[in-house]
N, C-alpha and C. Protein backbone atom coordinates (compact mmCIF):
# COMPACT_ATOMS: atom_id res chain seq x y z
N MET A 1 -55.89 -107.52 32.47
CA MET A 1 -57.08 -107.00 33.18
C MET A 1 -57.00 -105.48 33.28
N SER A 2 -56.76 -104.90 32.11
CA SER A 2 -56.65 -103.53 32.15
C SER A 2 -58.03 -102.89 31.52
N ASP A 3 -58.65 -102.11 32.38
CA ASP A 3 -59.91 -101.44 31.95
C ASP A 3 -59.48 -100.00 31.64
N THR A 4 -59.34 -99.75 30.37
CA THR A 4 -59.01 -98.37 29.94
C THR A 4 -60.37 -97.68 29.77
N PRO A 5 -60.45 -96.49 30.29
CA PRO A 5 -61.75 -95.75 30.25
C PRO A 5 -61.99 -95.19 28.87
N VAL A 6 -63.20 -95.25 28.44
CA VAL A 6 -63.63 -94.80 27.08
C VAL A 6 -63.71 -93.30 27.17
N LYS A 7 -63.03 -92.69 26.34
CA LYS A 7 -63.08 -91.20 26.24
C LYS A 7 -64.44 -90.74 25.67
N GLN A 8 -65.05 -89.96 26.50
CA GLN A 8 -66.41 -89.50 26.15
C GLN A 8 -66.26 -88.20 25.29
N GLN A 9 -66.90 -88.27 24.24
CA GLN A 9 -67.00 -87.16 23.33
C GLN A 9 -68.35 -86.55 23.35
N SER A 10 -68.48 -85.21 23.35
CA SER A 10 -69.80 -84.57 23.45
C SER A 10 -70.33 -84.62 21.99
N THR A 11 -71.63 -84.62 21.97
CA THR A 11 -72.24 -84.67 20.60
C THR A 11 -72.28 -83.29 19.91
N ALA A 12 -72.46 -83.19 18.68
CA ALA A 12 -72.47 -81.96 17.97
C ALA A 12 -73.61 -81.03 18.43
N ALA A 13 -74.70 -81.58 18.83
CA ALA A 13 -75.84 -80.88 19.30
C ALA A 13 -75.58 -80.20 20.64
N PHE A 14 -74.86 -80.96 21.56
CA PHE A 14 -74.39 -80.39 22.83
C PHE A 14 -73.39 -79.21 22.58
N TYR A 15 -72.51 -79.45 21.76
CA TYR A 15 -71.48 -78.43 21.40
C TYR A 15 -72.23 -77.16 20.85
N GLY A 16 -73.09 -77.38 19.99
CA GLY A 16 -73.83 -76.28 19.29
C GLY A 16 -74.70 -75.48 20.39
N GLN A 17 -75.30 -76.35 21.26
CA GLN A 17 -76.04 -75.59 22.36
C GLN A 17 -75.33 -74.86 23.21
N ALA A 18 -74.11 -75.22 23.58
CA ALA A 18 -73.09 -74.52 24.43
C ALA A 18 -72.64 -73.31 23.79
N VAL A 19 -72.33 -73.30 22.57
CA VAL A 19 -71.85 -72.18 21.81
C VAL A 19 -72.96 -71.12 21.54
N ALA A 20 -74.25 -71.60 21.31
CA ALA A 20 -75.31 -70.68 21.14
C ALA A 20 -75.69 -70.05 22.49
N SER A 21 -75.60 -70.85 23.60
CA SER A 21 -76.05 -70.33 24.99
C SER A 21 -74.94 -69.22 25.35
N PHE A 22 -73.69 -69.45 25.06
CA PHE A 22 -72.57 -68.54 25.33
C PHE A 22 -72.86 -67.27 24.55
N ALA A 23 -73.07 -67.36 23.22
CA ALA A 23 -73.35 -66.26 22.35
C ALA A 23 -74.61 -65.39 22.79
N VAL A 24 -75.64 -66.08 23.19
CA VAL A 24 -76.83 -65.34 23.72
C VAL A 24 -76.59 -64.58 25.00
N ALA A 25 -75.81 -65.14 25.81
CA ALA A 25 -75.40 -64.61 27.13
C ALA A 25 -74.64 -63.31 26.89
N ILE A 26 -73.61 -63.52 26.05
CA ILE A 26 -72.79 -62.27 25.75
C ILE A 26 -73.53 -61.13 25.05
N VAL A 27 -74.29 -61.52 24.12
CA VAL A 27 -75.05 -60.53 23.43
C VAL A 27 -76.08 -59.86 24.26
N ALA A 28 -76.77 -60.58 25.17
CA ALA A 28 -77.81 -59.98 26.07
C ALA A 28 -77.13 -59.11 27.02
N THR A 29 -75.89 -59.49 27.65
CA THR A 29 -75.15 -58.66 28.47
C THR A 29 -74.75 -57.41 27.86
N ALA A 30 -74.24 -57.44 26.63
CA ALA A 30 -73.78 -56.33 25.91
C ALA A 30 -74.89 -55.30 25.57
N ILE A 31 -76.08 -55.90 25.20
CA ILE A 31 -77.27 -55.04 25.08
C ILE A 31 -77.63 -54.34 26.37
N GLY A 32 -77.60 -55.08 27.39
CA GLY A 32 -77.95 -54.48 28.71
C GLY A 32 -77.03 -53.35 29.14
N ILE A 33 -75.79 -53.60 28.84
CA ILE A 33 -74.77 -52.54 29.32
C ILE A 33 -75.00 -51.35 28.44
N PHE A 34 -75.16 -51.58 27.06
CA PHE A 34 -75.31 -50.51 26.14
C PHE A 34 -76.54 -49.61 26.44
N ASN A 35 -77.75 -50.35 26.82
CA ASN A 35 -78.90 -49.60 27.04
C ASN A 35 -78.99 -49.08 28.48
N LEU A 36 -77.99 -49.18 29.27
CA LEU A 36 -77.94 -48.77 30.68
C LEU A 36 -77.92 -47.24 30.73
N GLU A 37 -78.80 -46.61 31.64
CA GLU A 37 -78.74 -45.22 31.67
C GLU A 37 -77.72 -44.82 32.65
N ALA A 38 -76.55 -44.69 32.16
CA ALA A 38 -75.36 -44.36 32.99
C ALA A 38 -74.32 -43.59 32.05
N ASP A 39 -73.38 -42.97 32.69
CA ASP A 39 -72.26 -42.33 31.94
C ASP A 39 -71.50 -43.40 31.11
N ALA A 40 -70.91 -42.92 30.12
CA ALA A 40 -70.08 -43.77 29.19
C ALA A 40 -68.99 -44.55 29.95
N TRP A 41 -68.34 -43.94 30.91
CA TRP A 41 -67.26 -44.57 31.62
C TRP A 41 -67.84 -45.70 32.53
N VAL A 42 -68.98 -45.61 32.96
CA VAL A 42 -69.66 -46.72 33.82
C VAL A 42 -69.88 -47.85 32.91
N ARG A 43 -70.44 -47.61 31.70
CA ARG A 43 -70.76 -48.64 30.79
C ARG A 43 -69.33 -49.33 30.28
N ALA A 44 -68.36 -48.50 30.07
CA ALA A 44 -67.14 -49.09 29.61
C ALA A 44 -66.49 -49.99 30.73
N PHE A 45 -66.56 -49.56 32.02
CA PHE A 45 -66.10 -50.27 33.06
C PHE A 45 -66.81 -51.61 33.23
N LEU A 46 -68.22 -51.62 33.01
CA LEU A 46 -68.93 -52.78 33.09
C LEU A 46 -68.60 -53.82 31.95
N GLY A 47 -68.31 -53.16 30.79
CA GLY A 47 -67.90 -54.03 29.59
C GLY A 47 -66.65 -54.73 29.93
N ILE A 48 -65.62 -53.94 30.41
CA ILE A 48 -64.31 -54.54 30.68
C ILE A 48 -64.53 -55.64 31.85
N ALA A 49 -65.34 -55.32 32.75
CA ALA A 49 -65.49 -56.37 33.90
C ALA A 49 -66.16 -57.60 33.30
N VAL A 50 -67.01 -57.49 32.33
CA VAL A 50 -67.72 -58.70 31.67
C VAL A 50 -66.55 -59.54 30.87
N LEU A 51 -65.78 -58.71 30.22
CA LEU A 51 -64.72 -59.47 29.38
C LEU A 51 -63.72 -60.11 30.40
N TYR A 52 -63.35 -59.53 31.51
CA TYR A 52 -62.45 -60.09 32.49
C TYR A 52 -63.11 -61.36 33.12
N LEU A 53 -64.41 -61.26 33.34
CA LEU A 53 -65.16 -62.38 33.97
C LEU A 53 -65.17 -63.55 32.98
N VAL A 54 -65.35 -63.44 31.76
CA VAL A 54 -65.34 -64.47 30.64
C VAL A 54 -64.05 -65.07 30.51
N THR A 55 -62.97 -64.26 30.49
CA THR A 55 -61.62 -64.85 30.29
C THR A 55 -61.24 -65.63 31.59
N SER A 56 -61.68 -65.18 32.78
CA SER A 56 -61.40 -65.87 34.00
C SER A 56 -62.11 -67.22 34.12
N ALA A 57 -63.37 -67.25 33.58
CA ALA A 57 -64.17 -68.41 33.51
C ALA A 57 -63.54 -69.55 32.60
N PHE A 58 -62.97 -68.96 31.37
CA PHE A 58 -62.31 -69.87 30.56
C PHE A 58 -61.09 -70.48 31.14
N THR A 59 -60.40 -69.66 31.81
CA THR A 59 -59.10 -70.07 32.36
C THR A 59 -59.41 -71.10 33.55
N LEU A 60 -60.40 -70.78 34.35
CA LEU A 60 -60.75 -71.69 35.45
C LEU A 60 -61.26 -73.10 34.87
N ALA A 61 -61.96 -73.01 33.82
CA ALA A 61 -62.44 -74.35 33.18
C ALA A 61 -61.29 -75.11 32.78
N LYS A 62 -60.28 -74.51 32.14
CA LYS A 62 -59.09 -75.12 31.61
C LYS A 62 -58.33 -75.70 32.67
N ILE A 63 -58.14 -75.03 33.79
CA ILE A 63 -57.30 -75.52 34.91
C ILE A 63 -58.01 -76.71 35.49
N ILE A 64 -59.30 -76.62 35.61
CA ILE A 64 -60.03 -77.75 36.13
C ILE A 64 -59.93 -79.02 35.35
N ARG A 65 -60.08 -78.78 34.05
CA ARG A 65 -59.93 -79.87 33.02
C ARG A 65 -58.54 -80.48 33.07
N ASP A 66 -57.50 -79.64 33.13
CA ASP A 66 -56.02 -80.14 33.14
C ASP A 66 -55.79 -80.88 34.41
N ARG A 67 -56.32 -80.44 35.49
CA ARG A 67 -56.07 -81.14 36.84
C ARG A 67 -56.77 -82.53 36.71
N GLN A 68 -58.00 -82.60 36.21
CA GLN A 68 -58.70 -83.91 36.11
C GLN A 68 -57.93 -84.80 35.23
N GLU A 69 -57.52 -84.29 34.02
CA GLU A 69 -56.72 -85.16 33.14
C GLU A 69 -55.41 -85.65 33.69
N ALA A 70 -54.73 -84.80 34.52
CA ALA A 70 -53.41 -85.23 35.16
C ALA A 70 -53.81 -86.27 36.21
N GLY A 71 -54.91 -86.12 36.96
CA GLY A 71 -55.28 -87.18 37.93
C GLY A 71 -55.52 -88.43 37.24
N GLN A 72 -56.16 -88.55 36.14
CA GLN A 72 -56.43 -89.74 35.35
C GLN A 72 -55.15 -90.43 34.95
N LEU A 73 -54.22 -89.53 34.58
CA LEU A 73 -52.91 -90.13 34.00
C LEU A 73 -52.17 -90.80 35.23
N VAL A 74 -52.08 -90.12 36.38
CA VAL A 74 -51.48 -90.64 37.57
C VAL A 74 -52.13 -91.94 37.98
N SER A 75 -53.48 -91.90 37.95
CA SER A 75 -54.26 -93.20 38.26
C SER A 75 -53.91 -94.30 37.38
N ARG A 76 -53.81 -94.08 36.07
CA ARG A 76 -53.50 -95.10 35.12
C ARG A 76 -52.03 -95.61 35.38
N VAL A 77 -51.05 -94.76 35.75
CA VAL A 77 -49.68 -95.24 36.01
C VAL A 77 -49.72 -96.09 37.25
N ASP A 78 -50.48 -95.73 38.30
CA ASP A 78 -50.59 -96.47 39.48
C ASP A 78 -51.22 -97.86 39.21
N GLN A 79 -52.27 -97.80 38.47
CA GLN A 79 -52.91 -99.14 38.13
C GLN A 79 -51.97 -100.02 37.41
N ALA A 80 -51.24 -99.47 36.37
CA ALA A 80 -50.24 -100.34 35.64
C ALA A 80 -49.22 -100.95 36.62
N ARG A 81 -48.76 -100.14 37.50
CA ARG A 81 -47.74 -100.68 38.48
C ARG A 81 -48.35 -101.70 39.43
N LEU A 82 -49.54 -101.51 39.92
CA LEU A 82 -50.19 -102.55 40.62
C LEU A 82 -50.45 -103.86 39.78
N GLU A 83 -50.89 -103.74 38.52
CA GLU A 83 -51.07 -104.96 37.71
C GLU A 83 -49.70 -105.59 37.50
N LYS A 84 -48.61 -104.87 37.30
CA LYS A 84 -47.37 -105.47 37.08
C LYS A 84 -46.95 -106.29 38.34
N LEU A 85 -47.08 -105.68 39.55
CA LEU A 85 -46.76 -106.39 40.73
C LEU A 85 -47.68 -107.58 40.97
N LEU A 86 -48.82 -107.60 40.74
CA LEU A 86 -49.70 -108.71 40.91
C LEU A 86 -49.49 -109.84 39.89
N ALA A 87 -49.06 -109.45 38.75
CA ALA A 87 -48.60 -110.38 37.72
C ALA A 87 -47.30 -111.13 38.12
N ALA A 88 -46.45 -110.35 38.67
CA ALA A 88 -45.16 -110.95 39.01
C ALA A 88 -45.24 -111.82 40.39
N HIS A 89 -46.26 -111.57 41.14
CA HIS A 89 -46.34 -112.23 42.49
C HIS A 89 -46.85 -113.71 42.24
N ASP A 90 -46.00 -114.55 42.93
CA ASP A 90 -46.38 -115.98 42.83
C ASP A 90 -46.77 -116.43 44.27
N PRO A 91 -48.03 -116.59 44.64
CA PRO A 91 -48.51 -117.02 45.97
C PRO A 91 -47.92 -118.21 46.47
N PHE A 92 -47.55 -119.17 45.52
CA PHE A 92 -47.01 -120.52 45.93
C PHE A 92 -45.55 -120.61 46.06
N GLU A 93 -44.87 -119.40 45.87
CA GLU A 93 -43.39 -119.35 45.97
C GLU A 93 -42.97 -119.56 47.30
N LYS A 94 -41.98 -120.42 47.64
CA LYS A 94 -41.48 -120.65 49.05
C LYS A 94 -40.70 -119.42 49.48
N LEU A 95 -40.93 -119.12 50.75
CA LEU A 95 -40.19 -118.09 51.28
C LEU A 95 -38.84 -118.44 51.83
């Protein structure tokens, strides 16, 4: 009685949409910073800030994914232990 969850895979269209959306956002931000009427050091600072924000977002997404996967693994181990205990238990055994 083991229900193993089906690993969900995203479609190629969803993957392509995510990559295209990310590319459009980065390009639009870069164009906006480039066309900003400010000193070069201000534009450079904003560019570095955007790069830092992107790397932080990737790191956060990876940490959340890793935590979720670890929780699923612990849940599977606990479920296997419970199934083993239930299989070994004989309710009609004399005490």
